[in-house]
Amino acid sequence: MEIKDNAFNRQFESTVNGKPYVIEYSIQERKLFLTKIHQPEEIPEDDEVINNMIKQILSDAEDKRWRVMPIHPKAVTFFRKNPAYKGMLPPGIRL
């Protein structure tokens, strides 16, 4: 899966089977805030694609040594289900 970082719109974009998936973000002081997740309405619970997108985004954030703050409930759920990524949370944040 290819993820494009659209810095102008502050969102990560990907297309799977012709359907757009978007994760909006904000960057402040070396922290990446995952604020909104948009996915096709006809596939309301396609968490596998969203999880793969988040994994790739976290891999890039780890290379840049950013901390990640999940704001959207699906991003929070991802961190709860994948404790290996909890080290990327800012100090003092527990989910």
C-alpha atoms as a PDB file:
ATOM      1  CA  MET A   1       0.000   0.000   0.000  1.00  0.00           C
ATOM      2  CA  GLU A   2       1.339   3.414  -0.962  1.00  0.00           C
ATOM      3  CA  ILE A   3       0.658   6.329   1.374  1.00  0.00           C
ATOM      4  CA  LYS A   4       1.051   9.892   0.136  1.00  0.00           C
ATOM      5  CA  ASP A   5       1.782  12.672   2.630  1.00  0.00           C
ATOM      6  CA  ASN A   6      -0.227  15.677   1.447  1.00  0.00           C
ATOM      7  CA  ALA A   7       1.477  18.309   3.617  1.00  0.00           C
ATOM      8  CA  PHE A   8      -0.649  21.150   2.208  1.00  0.00           C
ATOM      9  CA  ASN A   9      -3.881  19.539   3.416  1.00  0.00           C
ATOM     10  CA  ARG A  10      -2.108  17.908   6.402  1.00  0.00           C
ATOM     11  CA  GLN A  11      -3.310  14.406   5.611  1.00  0.00           C
ATOM     12  CA  PHE A  12      -2.000  11.000   4.656  1.00  0.00           C
ATOM     13  CA  GLU A  13      -3.816   9.627   1.620  1.00  0.00           C
ATOM     14  CA  SER A  14      -4.096   6.160   0.161  1.00  0.00           C
ATOM     15  CA  THR A  15      -6.308   4.457  -2.394  1.00  0.00           C
ATOM     16  CA  VAL A  16      -7.285   0.795  -2.015  1.00  0.00           C
ATOM     17  CA  ASN A  17      -9.408  -0.844  -4.727  1.00  0.00           C
ATOM     18  CA  GLY A  18     -10.287   2.613  -6.070  1.00  0.00           C
ATOM     19  CA  LYS A  19     -11.570   3.815  -2.694  1.00  0.00           C
ATOM     20  CA  PRO A  20      -9.919   6.761  -0.889  1.00  0.00           C
ATOM     21  CA  TYR A  21      -8.673   6.492   2.693  1.00  0.00           C
ATOM     22  CA  VAL A  22      -7.461   9.608   4.516  1.00  0.00           C
ATOM     23  CA  ILE A  23      -5.880  10.183   7.929  1.00  0.00           C
ATOM     24  CA  GLU A  24      -5.680  13.847   8.907  1.00  0.00           C
ATOM     25  CA  TYR A  25      -2.859  14.984  11.163  1.00  0.00           C
ATOM     26  CA  SER A  26      -1.242  17.929  12.870  1.00  0.00           C
ATOM     27  CA  ILE A  27       2.427  18.317  13.800  1.00  0.00           C
ATOM     28  CA  GLN A  28       3.461  20.368  16.818  1.00  0.00           C
ATOM     29  CA  GLU A  29       6.846  20.300  18.526  1.00  0.00           C
ATOM     30  CA  ARG A  30       7.914  16.936  17.085  1.00  0.00           C
ATOM     31  CA  LYS A  31       4.566  15.382  17.982  1.00  0.00           C
ATOM     32  CA  LEU A  32       2.276  13.888  15.377  1.00  0.00           C
ATOM     33  CA  PHE A  33      -1.415  14.196  16.288  1.00  0.00           C
ATOM     34  CA  LEU A  34      -3.681  11.758  14.402  1.00  0.00           C
ATOM     35  CA  THR A  35      -6.873  13.819  14.386  1.00  0.00           C
ATOM     36  CA  LYS A  36      -9.355  12.340  11.891  1.00  0.00           C
ATOM     37  CA  ILE A  37      -9.803   9.210   9.825  1.00  0.00           C
ATOM     38  CA  HIS A  38     -11.934   9.188   6.681  1.00  0.00           C
ATOM     39  CA  GLN A  39     -12.823   5.982   4.880  1.00  0.00           C
ATOM     40  CA  PRO A  40     -15.424   5.008   2.269  1.00  0.00           C
ATOM     41  CA  GLU A  41     -18.963   5.005   3.656  1.00  0.00           C
ATOM     42  CA  GLU A  42     -19.871   1.724   1.966  1.00  0.00           C
ATOM     43  CA  ILE A  43     -17.114   0.014   3.985  1.00  0.00           C
ATOM     44  CA  PRO A  44     -17.784   1.342   7.501  1.00  0.00           C
ATOM     45  CA  GLU A  45     -15.668  -1.154   9.466  1.00  0.00           C
ATOM     46  CA  ASP A  46     -12.642  -1.773   7.256  1.00  0.00           C
ATOM     47  CA  ASP A  47     -10.139  -1.594  10.106  1.00  0.00           C
ATOM     48  CA  GLU A  48      -7.475  -3.695   8.362  1.00  0.00           C
ATOM     49  CA  VAL A  49      -6.667  -0.974   5.806  1.00  0.00           C
ATOM     50  CA  ILE A  50      -6.688   1.742   8.490  1.00  0.00           C
ATOM     51  CA  ASN A  51      -4.429  -0.357  10.750  1.00  0.00           C
ATOM     52  CA  ASN A  52      -1.957  -0.915   7.904  1.00  0.00           C
ATOM     53  CA  MET A  53      -1.942   2.813   7.159  1.00  0.00           C
ATOM     54  CA  ILE A  54      -1.290   3.653  10.813  1.00  0.00           C
ATOM     55  CA  LYS A  55       1.547   1.101  10.979  1.00  0.00           C
ATOM     56  CA  GLN A  56       3.263   2.694   7.978  1.00  0.00           C
ATOM     57  CA  ILE A  57       2.734   6.199   9.367  1.00  0.00           C
ATOM     58  CA  LEU A  58       4.190   5.133  12.729  1.00  0.00           C
ATOM     59  CA  SER A  59       7.188   3.594  10.989  1.00  0.00           C
ATOM     60  CA  ASP A  60       7.930   6.916   9.290  1.00  0.00           C
ATOM     61  CA  ALA A  61       7.334   8.830  12.538  1.00  0.00           C
ATOM     62  CA  GLU A  62       9.746   6.516  14.357  1.00  0.00           C
ATOM     63  CA  ASP A  63      12.438   7.194  11.765  1.00  0.00           C
ATOM     64  CA  LYS A  64      11.962  10.944  12.348  1.00  0.00           C
ATOM     65  CA  ARG A  65      11.930  10.406  16.145  1.00  0.00           C
ATOM     66  CA  TRP A  66       8.475  11.938  16.558  1.00  0.00           C
ATOM     67  CA  ARG A  67       6.076  11.139  19.346  1.00  0.00           C
ATOM     68  CA  VAL A  68       2.536  10.225  18.294  1.00  0.00           C
ATOM     69  CA  MET A  69      -0.651  11.395  19.968  1.00  0.00           C
ATOM     70  CA  PRO A  70      -3.769   9.508  18.814  1.00  0.00           C
ATOM     71  CA  ILE A  71      -6.863  11.722  18.947  1.00  0.00           C
ATOM     72  CA  HIS A  72      -9.339   9.798  16.778  1.00  0.00           C
ATOM     73  CA  PRO A  73     -11.010   6.813  18.535  1.00  0.00           C
ATOM     74  CA  LYS A  74      -9.798   4.337  15.865  1.00  0.00           C
ATOM     75  CA  ALA A  75      -6.223   5.504  16.377  1.00  0.00           C
ATOM     76  CA  VAL A  76      -6.627   5.129  20.151  1.00  0.00           C
ATOM     77  CA  THR A  77      -8.016   1.618  19.642  1.00  0.00           C
ATOM     78  CA  PHE A  78      -5.014   0.781  17.450  1.00  0.00           C
ATOM     79  CA  PHE A  79      -2.608   1.770  20.238  1.00  0.00           C
ATOM     80  CA  ARG A  80      -4.573  -0.265  22.783  1.00  0.00           C
ATOM     81  CA  LYS A  81      -4.497  -3.377  20.597  1.00  0.00           C
ATOM     82  CA  ASN A  82      -0.812  -2.966  19.684  1.00  0.00           C
ATOM     83  CA  PRO A  83       1.188  -2.365  22.868  1.00  0.00           C
ATOM     84  CA  ALA A  84       4.472  -2.481  20.914  1.00  0.00           C
ATOM     85  CA  TYR A  85       3.734   1.072  19.719  1.00  0.00           C
ATOM     86  CA  LYS A  86       2.975   2.535  23.148  1.00  0.00           C
ATOM     87  CA  GLY A  87       6.603   3.657  23.448  1.00  0.00           C
ATOM     88  CA  MET A  88       5.860   6.254  20.781  1.00  0.00           C
ATOM     89  CA  LEU A  89       3.339   8.035  22.993  1.00  0.00           C
ATOM     90  CA  PRO A  90       4.459  11.268  24.682  1.00  0.00           C
ATOM     91  CA  PRO A  91       5.581  10.960  28.308  1.00  0.00           C
ATOM     92  CA  GLY A  92       2.701  10.758  30.770  1.00  0.00           C
ATOM     93  CA  ILE A  93       0.080   9.651  28.223  1.00  0.00           C
ATOM     94  CA  ARG A  94      -1.704   6.412  29.000  1.00  0.00           C
ATOM     95  CA  LEU A  95      -4.423   4.765  26.930  1.00  0.00           C
END
